[in-house]
Amino acid sequence: MKNESGKTLLRVGIIGTILTAICCTTPILVIALGIMGLGAMTRYLDYVLLPLLGLFVLLALYGFLQGRKKDGECCTIPKNH
């Protein structure tokens, strides 16, 4: 069950990162807001998109680590006896 949760988080993180990066680097969102009559809101896009991009990258990283974790083997230091 935990492995499926990690895969889901990884997929959501990657898709969110790609969509947010597209909105950051292309004028798609600016054009869409202009068409809807909300062009004045474009000055606030950086305050929303950049933290959202960071959140999705962290979510993808967390999902990746959860997917790699198998019975606690991923991030534990083995004890030498």
N, C-alpha and C. Protein backbone atom coordinates (compact mmCIF):
# COMPACT_ATOMS: atom_id res chain seq x y z
N MET A 1 0.82 -1.20 0.00
CA MET A 1 0.00 0.00 0.00
C MET A 1 0.86 1.26 0.00
N LYS A 2 1.95 1.21 0.76
CA LYS A 2 2.81 2.39 0.84
C LYS A 2 3.50 2.66 -0.48
N ASN A 3 3.85 1.61 -1.22
CA ASN A 3 4.50 1.76 -2.50
C ASN A 3 3.57 2.43 -3.51
N GLU A 4 2.28 2.09 -3.49
CA GLU A 4 1.31 2.72 -4.39
C GLU A 4 1.15 4.18 -4.05
N SER A 5 1.15 4.51 -2.77
CA SER A 5 1.04 5.90 -2.35
C SER A 5 2.23 6.71 -2.84
N GLY A 6 3.41 6.12 -2.79
CA GLY A 6 4.61 6.80 -3.27
C GLY A 6 4.55 7.03 -4.77
N LYS A 7 4.03 6.04 -5.52
CA LYS A 7 3.90 6.22 -6.97
C LYS A 7 2.89 7.30 -7.31
N THR A 8 1.79 7.36 -6.55
CA THR A 8 0.78 8.39 -6.79
C THR A 8 1.35 9.77 -6.50
N LEU A 9 2.06 9.91 -5.39
CA LEU A 9 2.67 11.20 -5.06
C LEU A 9 3.71 11.60 -6.11
N LEU A 10 4.45 10.63 -6.59
CA LEU A 10 5.45 10.91 -7.62
C LEU A 10 4.78 11.40 -8.90
N ARG A 11 3.71 10.72 -9.32
CA ARG A 11 3.00 11.14 -10.54
C ARG A 11 2.41 12.54 -10.40
N VAL A 12 1.75 12.80 -9.27
CA VAL A 12 1.16 14.12 -9.04
C VAL A 12 2.24 15.18 -9.00
N GLY A 13 3.35 14.89 -8.36
CA GLY A 13 4.45 15.85 -8.29
C GLY A 13 5.06 16.15 -9.64
N ILE A 14 5.25 15.12 -10.46
CA ILE A 14 5.84 15.33 -11.78
C ILE A 14 4.89 16.09 -12.69
N ILE A 15 3.61 15.69 -12.71
CA ILE A 15 2.63 16.38 -13.55
C ILE A 15 2.47 17.83 -13.11
N GLY A 16 2.39 18.05 -11.81
CA GLY A 16 2.27 19.42 -11.30
C GLY A 16 3.49 20.27 -11.61
N THR A 17 4.67 19.67 -11.51
CA THR A 17 5.90 20.39 -11.83
C THR A 17 5.94 20.78 -13.30
N ILE A 18 5.56 19.86 -14.16
CA ILE A 18 5.56 20.16 -15.60
C ILE A 18 4.56 21.25 -15.93
N LEU A 19 3.35 21.15 -15.41
CA LEU A 19 2.33 22.18 -15.70
C LEU A 19 2.73 23.54 -15.15
N THR A 20 3.27 23.56 -13.94
CA THR A 20 3.69 24.84 -13.35
C THR A 20 4.87 25.42 -14.11
N ALA A 21 5.81 24.58 -14.54
CA ALA A 21 6.96 25.07 -15.31
C ALA A 21 6.50 25.63 -16.66
N ILE A 22 5.53 24.99 -17.28
CA ILE A 22 5.00 25.51 -18.54
C ILE A 22 4.36 26.88 -18.33
N CYS A 23 3.62 27.04 -17.24
CA CYS A 23 2.99 28.33 -16.96
C CYS A 23 4.02 29.40 -16.60
N CYS A 24 5.15 28.98 -16.02
CA CYS A 24 6.20 29.94 -15.65
C CYS A 24 6.99 30.41 -16.87
N THR A 25 7.23 29.52 -17.82
CA THR A 25 8.14 29.84 -18.91
C THR A 25 7.45 30.27 -20.19
N THR A 26 6.18 30.08 -20.29
CA THR A 26 5.46 30.49 -21.51
C THR A 26 4.39 31.49 -21.15
N PRO A 27 3.96 32.28 -22.11
CA PRO A 27 2.94 33.29 -21.82
C PRO A 27 1.51 32.74 -21.87
N ILE A 28 1.34 31.42 -21.76
CA ILE A 28 0.00 30.84 -21.84
C ILE A 28 -0.92 31.40 -20.76
N LEU A 29 -0.45 31.44 -19.54
CA LEU A 29 -1.29 31.93 -18.45
C LEU A 29 -1.57 33.42 -18.57
N VAL A 30 -0.61 34.18 -19.04
CA VAL A 30 -0.81 35.62 -19.21
C VAL A 30 -1.86 35.88 -20.29
N ILE A 31 -1.79 35.14 -21.38
CA ILE A 31 -2.77 35.29 -22.46
C ILE A 31 -4.16 34.87 -21.97
N ALA A 32 -4.23 33.76 -21.24
CA ALA A 32 -5.52 33.29 -20.74
C ALA A 32 -6.14 34.28 -19.77
N LEU A 33 -5.33 34.85 -18.88
CA LEU A 33 -5.86 35.85 -17.96
C LEU A 33 -6.29 37.11 -18.70
N GLY A 34 -5.56 37.49 -19.75
CA GLY A 34 -5.94 38.65 -20.55
C GLY A 34 -7.26 38.44 -21.27
N ILE A 35 -7.47 37.26 -21.79
CA ILE A 35 -8.73 36.95 -22.48
C ILE A 35 -9.90 36.98 -21.51
N MET A 36 -9.68 36.51 -20.28
CA MET A 36 -10.75 36.50 -19.28
C MET A 36 -10.97 37.86 -18.63
N GLY A 37 -10.16 38.83 -18.98
CA GLY A 37 -10.29 40.15 -18.39
C GLY A 37 -9.61 40.29 -17.05
N LEU A 38 -8.73 39.38 -16.73
CA LEU A 38 -8.02 39.40 -15.45
C LEU A 38 -6.54 39.71 -15.64
N GLY A 39 -6.22 40.51 -16.64
CA GLY A 39 -4.84 40.83 -16.96
C GLY A 39 -4.10 41.54 -15.83
N ALA A 40 -4.82 42.23 -14.95
CA ALA A 40 -4.19 42.93 -13.83
C ALA A 40 -3.60 41.96 -12.82
N MET A 41 -4.05 40.72 -12.85
CA MET A 41 -3.56 39.74 -11.89
C MET A 41 -2.21 39.16 -12.30
N THR A 42 -1.73 39.47 -13.49
CA THR A 42 -0.46 38.89 -13.94
C THR A 42 0.72 39.33 -13.09
N ARG A 43 0.61 40.44 -12.42
CA ARG A 43 1.73 40.88 -11.59
C ARG A 43 1.92 40.00 -10.36
N TYR A 44 0.90 39.24 -10.00
CA TYR A 44 0.98 38.37 -8.83
C TYR A 44 1.31 36.92 -9.17
N LEU A 45 1.52 36.61 -10.42
CA LEU A 45 1.77 35.24 -10.83
C LEU A 45 3.04 34.67 -10.22
N ASP A 46 4.09 35.47 -10.11
CA ASP A 46 5.33 34.98 -9.52
C ASP A 46 5.15 34.60 -8.06
N TYR A 47 4.27 35.30 -7.35
CA TYR A 47 4.04 34.99 -5.94
C TYR A 47 3.30 33.67 -5.77
N VAL A 48 2.63 33.20 -6.80
CA VAL A 48 1.88 31.95 -6.73
C VAL A 48 2.63 30.82 -7.42
N LEU A 49 3.14 31.06 -8.63
CA LEU A 49 3.72 29.99 -9.43
C LEU A 49 5.05 29.47 -8.90
N LEU A 50 5.91 30.33 -8.44
CA LEU A 50 7.22 29.87 -7.96
C LEU A 50 7.12 29.02 -6.69
N PRO A 51 6.33 29.44 -5.67
CA PRO A 51 6.16 28.52 -4.53
C PRO A 51 5.44 27.23 -4.92
N LEU A 52 4.50 27.31 -5.86
CA LEU A 52 3.80 26.12 -6.31
C LEU A 52 4.76 25.17 -7.02
N LEU A 53 5.68 25.72 -7.79
CA LEU A 53 6.69 24.90 -8.46
C LEU A 53 7.56 24.19 -7.42
N GLY A 54 7.99 24.92 -6.41
CA GLY A 54 8.79 24.31 -5.34
C GLY A 54 8.02 23.23 -4.60
N LEU A 55 6.74 23.47 -4.35
CA LEU A 55 5.91 22.48 -3.67
C LEU A 55 5.79 21.20 -4.48
N PHE A 56 5.57 21.32 -5.78
CA PHE A 56 5.43 20.13 -6.62
C PHE A 56 6.76 19.38 -6.75
N VAL A 57 7.87 20.10 -6.79
CA VAL A 57 9.17 19.42 -6.84
C VAL A 57 9.41 18.65 -5.55
N LEU A 58 9.10 19.25 -4.40
CA LEU A 58 9.24 18.55 -3.13
C LEU A 58 8.30 17.36 -3.03
N LEU A 59 7.08 17.50 -3.56
CA LEU A 59 6.13 16.40 -3.56
C LEU A 59 6.63 15.24 -4.42
N ALA A 60 7.21 15.56 -5.57
CA ALA A 60 7.77 14.51 -6.44
C ALA A 60 8.95 13.83 -5.76
N LEU A 61 9.79 14.59 -5.10
CA LEU A 61 10.93 14.01 -4.38
C LEU A 61 10.46 13.11 -3.24
N TYR A 62 9.46 13.55 -2.50
CA TYR A 62 8.91 12.76 -1.41
C TYR A 62 8.28 11.47 -1.94
N GLY A 63 7.54 11.57 -3.03
CA GLY A 63 6.95 10.38 -3.64
C GLY A 63 8.00 9.42 -4.15
N PHE A 64 9.08 9.95 -4.70
CA PHE A 64 10.18 9.12 -5.16
C PHE A 64 10.81 8.36 -4.01
N LEU A 65 11.04 9.05 -2.90
CA LEU A 65 11.64 8.41 -1.73
C LEU A 65 10.69 7.38 -1.12
N GLN A 66 9.39 7.67 -1.12
CA GLN A 66 8.42 6.72 -0.60
C GLN A 66 8.35 5.48 -1.47
N GLY A 67 8.48 5.66 -2.79
CA GLY A 67 8.45 4.53 -3.70
C GLY A 67 9.68 3.65 -3.56
N ARG A 68 10.80 4.22 -3.21
CA ARG A 68 12.03 3.45 -3.04
C ARG A 68 12.08 2.72 -1.71
N LYS A 69 11.32 3.20 -0.77
CA LYS A 69 11.36 2.62 0.57
C LYS A 69 10.67 1.25 0.56
N LYS A 70 11.41 0.24 0.91
CA LYS A 70 10.87 -1.12 1.00
C LYS A 70 11.20 -1.67 2.38
N ASP A 71 10.20 -1.75 3.21
CA ASP A 71 10.37 -2.29 4.56
C ASP A 71 11.46 -1.56 5.34
N GLY A 72 11.58 -0.27 5.16
CA GLY A 72 12.54 0.52 5.91
C GLY A 72 13.97 0.38 5.46
N GLU A 73 14.23 -0.15 4.27
CA GLU A 73 15.60 -0.35 3.81
C GLU A 73 16.22 0.90 3.20
N CYS A 74 15.41 1.84 2.79
CA CYS A 74 15.89 2.97 2.01
C CYS A 74 16.83 3.87 2.80
N CYS A 75 16.39 4.34 3.91
CA CYS A 75 17.09 5.43 4.56
C CYS A 75 17.66 5.06 5.92
N THR A 76 17.82 3.80 6.21
CA THR A 76 18.39 3.41 7.48
C THR A 76 19.83 3.00 7.29
N ILE A 77 20.61 3.23 8.33
CA ILE A 77 22.03 2.86 8.29
C ILE A 77 22.15 1.43 8.83
N PRO A 78 22.72 0.53 8.07
CA PRO A 78 22.83 -0.85 8.56
C PRO A 78 23.78 -0.93 9.75
N LYS A 79 23.40 -1.75 10.72
CA LYS A 79 24.23 -1.96 11.90
C LYS A 79 25.13 -3.15 11.67
N ASN A 80 26.41 -2.96 11.90
CA ASN A 80 27.37 -4.05 11.77
C ASN A 80 27.53 -4.74 13.10
N HIS A 81 27.20 -6.01 13.14
CA HIS A 81 27.33 -6.79 14.38
C HIS A 81 28.47 -7.74 14.28
